[in-house]
Amino acid sequence: MNSSLKHIVLQLEDLTQQDVSIGLGLDLLEASAKTRKDVIMINVMRDSLNEILIEERQCQAM
């Protein structure tokens, strides 16, 4: 795994263990990102999360 991505995942994991929601955690990580590459990775993670949540809602509606 890319070291930047691994670092972002570990930071997000730490935040969620402190009862910070994944969405807010991604917002915090994006605000403190040091490179465009990190911002892109964080936003890909956010998009993936949103897709999962949409699919989950669609399954629950059935």
N, C-alpha and C. Protein backbone atom coordinates (compact mmCIF):
# COMPACT_ATOMS: atom_id res chain seq x y z
N MET A 1 0.86 -1.18 0.00
CA MET A 1 0.00 0.00 0.00
C MET A 1 0.90 1.24 0.00
N ASN A 2 0.53 2.21 -0.78
CA ASN A 2 1.24 3.48 -0.84
C ASN A 2 1.39 4.06 0.57
N SER A 3 2.58 4.56 0.90
CA SER A 3 2.82 5.05 2.26
C SER A 3 1.90 6.22 2.61
N SER A 4 1.60 7.07 1.65
CA SER A 4 0.68 8.19 1.89
C SER A 4 -0.71 7.67 2.23
N LEU A 5 -1.17 6.72 1.44
CA LEU A 5 -2.49 6.14 1.68
C LEU A 5 -2.52 5.42 3.02
N LYS A 6 -1.47 4.69 3.33
CA LYS A 6 -1.40 3.98 4.61
C LYS A 6 -1.49 4.98 5.76
N HIS A 7 -0.79 6.10 5.64
CA HIS A 7 -0.81 7.13 6.68
C HIS A 7 -2.22 7.71 6.84
N ILE A 8 -2.88 7.98 5.73
CA ILE A 8 -4.24 8.52 5.78
C ILE A 8 -5.18 7.54 6.45
N VAL A 9 -5.07 6.27 6.08
CA VAL A 9 -5.93 5.23 6.67
C VAL A 9 -5.70 5.14 8.17
N LEU A 10 -4.44 5.17 8.60
CA LEU A 10 -4.14 5.09 10.03
C LEU A 10 -4.68 6.31 10.78
N GLN A 11 -4.57 7.49 10.17
CA GLN A 11 -5.12 8.70 10.80
C GLN A 11 -6.64 8.59 10.91
N LEU A 12 -7.29 8.12 9.86
CA LEU A 12 -8.74 7.98 9.89
C LEU A 12 -9.15 6.95 10.94
N GLU A 13 -8.41 5.88 11.02
CA GLU A 13 -8.68 4.86 12.03
C GLU A 13 -8.57 5.45 13.43
N ASP A 14 -7.53 6.24 13.68
CA ASP A 14 -7.36 6.89 14.98
C ASP A 14 -8.53 7.82 15.29
N LEU A 15 -8.96 8.58 14.32
CA LEU A 15 -10.09 9.49 14.53
C LEU A 15 -11.37 8.74 14.85
N THR A 16 -11.63 7.67 14.12
CA THR A 16 -12.88 6.92 14.36
C THR A 16 -12.84 6.23 15.72
N GLN A 17 -11.66 5.87 16.20
CA GLN A 17 -11.55 5.29 17.54
C GLN A 17 -11.82 6.33 18.61
N GLN A 18 -11.72 7.59 18.25
CA GLN A 18 -12.03 8.70 19.17
C GLN A 18 -13.46 9.18 18.98
N ASP A 19 -14.29 8.33 18.38
CA ASP A 19 -15.72 8.61 18.13
C ASP A 19 -15.97 9.76 17.17
N VAL A 20 -15.03 10.00 16.26
CA VAL A 20 -15.23 10.96 15.17
C VAL A 20 -15.82 10.16 14.01
N SER A 21 -16.89 10.66 13.41
CA SER A 21 -17.50 9.94 12.29
C SER A 21 -16.53 9.89 11.11
N ILE A 22 -16.73 8.91 10.25
CA ILE A 22 -15.86 8.77 9.09
C ILE A 22 -15.93 10.03 8.22
N GLY A 23 -17.14 10.54 8.01
CA GLY A 23 -17.31 11.74 7.19
C GLY A 23 -16.56 12.93 7.75
N LEU A 24 -16.70 13.16 9.05
CA LEU A 24 -15.98 14.28 9.69
C LEU A 24 -14.48 14.01 9.68
N GLY A 25 -14.09 12.76 9.89
CA GLY A 25 -12.68 12.41 9.84
C GLY A 25 -12.08 12.72 8.48
N LEU A 26 -12.81 12.39 7.42
CA LEU A 26 -12.32 12.70 6.07
C LEU A 26 -12.22 14.21 5.86
N ASP A 27 -13.19 14.95 6.40
CA ASP A 27 -13.14 16.42 6.31
C ASP A 27 -11.90 16.96 7.01
N LEU A 28 -11.63 16.44 8.20
CA LEU A 28 -10.46 16.90 8.96
C LEU A 28 -9.17 16.56 8.24
N LEU A 29 -9.10 15.35 7.70
CA LEU A 29 -7.90 14.95 6.98
C LEU A 29 -7.69 15.79 5.72
N GLU A 30 -8.80 16.08 5.03
CA GLU A 30 -8.68 16.90 3.82
C GLU A 30 -8.18 18.30 4.17
N ALA A 31 -8.70 18.86 5.26
CA ALA A 31 -8.29 20.20 5.67
C ALA A 31 -6.81 20.26 6.04
N SER A 32 -6.26 19.15 6.51
CA SER A 32 -4.86 19.16 6.93
C SER A 32 -3.92 18.49 5.91
N ALA A 33 -4.47 18.11 4.76
CA ALA A 33 -3.64 17.45 3.73
C ALA A 33 -2.55 18.38 3.25
N LYS A 34 -1.39 17.80 3.02
CA LYS A 34 -0.24 18.61 2.61
C LYS A 34 0.01 18.58 1.10
N THR A 35 -0.56 17.60 0.42
CA THR A 35 -0.34 17.50 -1.03
C THR A 35 -1.67 17.30 -1.75
N ARG A 36 -1.66 17.63 -3.03
CA ARG A 36 -2.85 17.39 -3.85
C ARG A 36 -3.16 15.91 -3.94
N LYS A 37 -2.10 15.10 -4.00
CA LYS A 37 -2.26 13.65 -4.06
C LYS A 37 -3.05 13.15 -2.84
N ASP A 38 -2.73 13.68 -1.66
CA ASP A 38 -3.47 13.29 -0.45
C ASP A 38 -4.93 13.72 -0.53
N VAL A 39 -5.16 14.93 -1.02
CA VAL A 39 -6.53 15.43 -1.16
C VAL A 39 -7.31 14.53 -2.11
N ILE A 40 -6.68 14.13 -3.20
CA ILE A 40 -7.35 13.25 -4.17
C ILE A 40 -7.68 11.91 -3.52
N MET A 41 -6.72 11.33 -2.81
CA MET A 41 -6.97 10.04 -2.16
C MET A 41 -8.10 10.14 -1.13
N ILE A 42 -8.11 11.20 -0.36
CA ILE A 42 -9.16 11.40 0.64
C ILE A 42 -10.51 11.53 -0.05
N ASN A 43 -10.57 12.27 -1.15
CA ASN A 43 -11.84 12.44 -1.85
C ASN A 43 -12.30 11.16 -2.54
N VAL A 44 -11.37 10.33 -2.99
CA VAL A 44 -11.74 9.02 -3.53
C VAL A 44 -12.34 8.16 -2.41
N MET A 45 -11.74 8.24 -1.23
CA MET A 45 -12.28 7.50 -0.08
C MET A 45 -13.68 8.00 0.25
N ARG A 46 -13.88 9.32 0.22
CA ARG A 46 -15.19 9.90 0.51
C ARG A 46 -16.23 9.46 -0.53
N ASP A 47 -15.84 9.48 -1.80
CA ASP A 47 -16.75 9.04 -2.87
C ASP A 47 -17.13 7.57 -2.70
N SER A 48 -16.16 6.74 -2.34
CA SER A 48 -16.42 5.32 -2.13
C SER A 48 -17.37 5.12 -0.95
N LEU A 49 -17.14 5.86 0.12
CA LEU A 49 -18.04 5.78 1.28
C LEU A 49 -19.45 6.16 0.88
N ASN A 50 -19.59 7.25 0.14
CA ASN A 50 -20.92 7.70 -0.28
C ASN A 50 -21.61 6.66 -1.16
N GLU A 51 -20.87 6.02 -2.05
CA GLU A 51 -21.45 4.97 -2.89
C GLU A 51 -21.94 3.80 -2.05
N ILE A 52 -21.16 3.41 -1.07
CA ILE A 52 -21.55 2.31 -0.18
C ILE A 52 -22.82 2.68 0.59
N LEU A 53 -22.87 3.91 1.10
CA LEU A 53 -24.05 4.35 1.85
C LEU A 53 -25.30 4.38 0.98
N ILE A 54 -25.15 4.82 -0.27
CA ILE A 54 -26.29 4.85 -1.20
C ILE A 54 -26.78 3.44 -1.47
N GLU A 55 -25.85 2.52 -1.74
CA GLU A 55 -26.23 1.13 -2.00
C GLU A 55 -26.91 0.52 -0.78
N GLU A 56 -26.40 0.84 0.41
CA GLU A 56 -26.98 0.31 1.65
C GLU A 56 -28.42 0.81 1.82
N ARG A 57 -28.65 2.09 1.55
CA ARG A 57 -30.00 2.65 1.66
C ARG A 57 -30.94 2.00 0.65
N GLN A 58 -30.45 1.75 -0.55
CA GLN A 58 -31.28 1.12 -1.58
C GLN A 58 -31.64 -0.30 -1.17
N CYS A 59 -30.72 -1.02 -0.57
CA CYS A 59 -31.00 -2.38 -0.11
C CYS A 59 -32.00 -2.38 1.03
N GLN A 60 -31.91 -1.41 1.92
CA GLN A 60 -32.84 -1.33 3.05
C GLN A 60 -34.24 -0.95 2.58
N ALA A 61 -34.34 -0.22 1.49
CA ALA A 61 -35.62 0.21 0.97
C ALA A 61 -36.38 -0.92 0.29
N MET A 62 -35.70 -1.98 -0.05
CA MET A 62 -36.34 -3.08 -0.76
C MET A 62 -37.13 -3.97 0.16
